[in-house]
Structures are given as structure tokens and as C-alpha cells.
Protein backbone atom coordinates (compact mmCIF):
# COMPACT_ATOMS: atom_id res chain seq x y z
CA MET A 1 3.75 0.95 10.65
CA THR A 2 7.00 -0.33 12.00
CA VAL A 3 9.74 -1.28 9.59
CA GLY A 4 11.37 -4.65 10.13
CA LYS A 5 13.72 -7.18 8.60
CA ASN A 6 16.50 -4.65 7.95
CA GLN A 7 14.28 -2.41 5.84
CA GLY A 8 15.45 0.83 7.44
CA ARG A 9 15.77 4.18 5.77
CA SER A 10 18.61 4.33 3.25
CA ALA A 11 20.63 7.17 1.74
CA LYS A 12 18.47 7.18 -1.39
CA HIS A 13 15.43 8.38 0.59
CA THR A 14 15.18 12.15 0.43
CA LYS A 15 11.89 12.87 2.19
CA SER A 16 10.04 11.33 5.14
CA VAL A 17 6.24 11.43 5.13
CA ASN A 18 3.32 10.30 7.25
CA LEU A 19 0.32 9.11 5.24
CA ALA A 20 -3.39 9.12 6.09
CA LEU A 21 -5.25 7.20 3.38
CA GLN A 22 -8.89 7.86 2.54
CA GLY A 23 -11.57 5.25 2.23
CA GLY A 24 -14.36 4.89 -0.24
CA GLY A 25 -14.19 1.77 -2.42
CA SER A 26 -12.77 2.81 -5.77
CA HIS A 27 -10.73 5.54 -4.05
CA GLY A 28 -8.76 2.68 -2.51
CA ALA A 29 -7.85 1.32 -5.94
CA PHE A 30 -6.78 4.80 -7.02
CA THR A 31 -4.67 5.12 -3.87
CA TRP A 32 -3.03 1.78 -4.73
CA GLY A 33 -1.76 3.40 -7.94
CA VAL A 34 -0.41 6.41 -6.08
CA LEU A 35 1.32 4.22 -3.49
CA ASP A 36 2.75 2.00 -6.22
CA ARG A 37 4.37 5.02 -7.86
CA MET A 38 5.72 6.28 -4.53
CA PHE A 39 7.29 2.91 -3.72
CA GLU A 40 8.64 2.57 -7.26
CA ASP A 41 10.31 5.99 -7.08
CA GLY A 42 11.98 5.16 -3.78
CA ARG A 43 12.91 8.70 -2.74
CA ILE A 44 10.14 8.92 -0.15
CA TRP A 45 10.40 7.19 3.21
CA ILE A 46 7.06 6.41 4.86
CA GLU A 47 7.42 6.97 8.60
CA ALA A 48 3.79 6.16 9.45
CA ILE A 49 0.70 5.10 7.53
CA SER A 50 -2.95 4.97 8.57
CA GLY A 51 -6.30 4.92 6.88
CA THR A 52 -10.01 4.35 7.05
CA SER A 53 -12.07 1.79 5.14
CA ALA A 54 -10.28 1.01 1.85
CA GLY A 55 -7.44 3.26 3.02
CA ALA A 56 -6.98 1.08 6.10
CA MET A 57 -6.79 -2.00 3.88
CA ASN A 58 -4.11 -0.31 1.76
CA ALA A 59 -2.23 0.73 4.91
CA VAL A 60 -2.18 -2.80 6.33
CA VAL A 61 -1.22 -4.47 3.05
CA ALA A 62 1.50 -1.90 2.31
CA SER A 63 2.87 -2.15 5.86
CA GLN A 64 3.13 -5.92 5.68
CA GLY A 65 4.80 -5.75 2.28
CA MET A 66 7.29 -3.16 3.55
CA TYR A 67 8.02 -5.29 6.59
CA ASP A 68 8.68 -8.33 4.40
CA ASN A 69 10.62 -6.74 1.54
CA GLY A 70 10.69 -2.94 1.63
CA GLY A 71 9.09 -0.89 -1.13
CA ASP A 72 9.21 -3.76 -3.62
CA GLY A 73 7.35 -5.94 -1.14
CA ALA A 74 4.72 -3.25 -0.62
CA ARG A 75 4.20 -2.91 -4.37
CA ALA A 76 3.85 -6.68 -4.82
CA GLU A 77 1.43 -7.11 -1.91
CA LEU A 78 -0.76 -4.18 -2.97
CA GLU A 79 -0.98 -5.51 -6.53
CA ARG A 80 -1.84 -9.01 -5.32
CA PHE A 81 -4.49 -7.65 -2.94
CA TRP A 82 -6.24 -5.41 -5.47
CA ARG A 83 -6.16 -8.03 -8.23
CA GLU A 84 -7.77 -10.53 -5.85
CA ILE A 85 -10.42 -7.95 -4.90
CA SER A 86 -11.12 -7.40 -8.60
CA VAL A 87 -11.60 -11.12 -9.27
CA ALA A 88 -13.80 -11.52 -6.19
CA GLY A 89 -15.94 -8.57 -7.31
CA GLN A 90 -16.51 -10.12 -10.73
CA SER A 91 -17.96 -13.28 -9.20
CA SER A 92 -20.06 -11.57 -6.54
CA LEU A 93 -23.68 -12.70 -6.27
CA ILE A 94 -24.68 -9.05 -5.96
CA GLN A 95 -23.37 -8.39 -9.48
CA ARG A 96 -25.60 -11.06 -11.04
């Protein structure tokens, strides 16, 4: 992940971390909640983020959100993504 649009590290950040996010369907939704709390808190600066399967989806969505609007952007994009996944899952032909 590369930070853009003037979203650099600020004085409020107290710890830098690199994240590797796990995959596995519902684990991705759980990870969304963890990431949401991390971005809400704001004391952690994410230097790099990667993942596999659902973790990779979270990594891409969070990275784009951070690029666009920092931690608030990441939170908004992750929520939008997982809510859309939830709606799509409810109307899946496999579920019928």
C-alpha cells in the first residue's frame, strides 16, 4: 500500500505496523471489524498491508480508501464493500 493525496503519517500516530490479513470467507468480515476499530482509533499507522483470499480483498479496499481519504476513507470503503457482499449473498442462486 502506498499512501497518497497528502495522507501521510501525522503526529497522532504512535505505532507503525505491517499487516498480513488472513483469508477464509467469514474471517474477512471479522477482519473488517478489526480494521474498522484500528482506523477509528487512529493511533496506528499502517505501513504495508497484504492478504490472501478475503484478506486480499480487505487489503485492496482499505488501501484504496486510505489513498482517497485516510483512515476515514478506509472505514467507509470497507463498510460499503462488506454491505454489498452481504446483499449479494442474500440473493445468490446457491442460497435458494
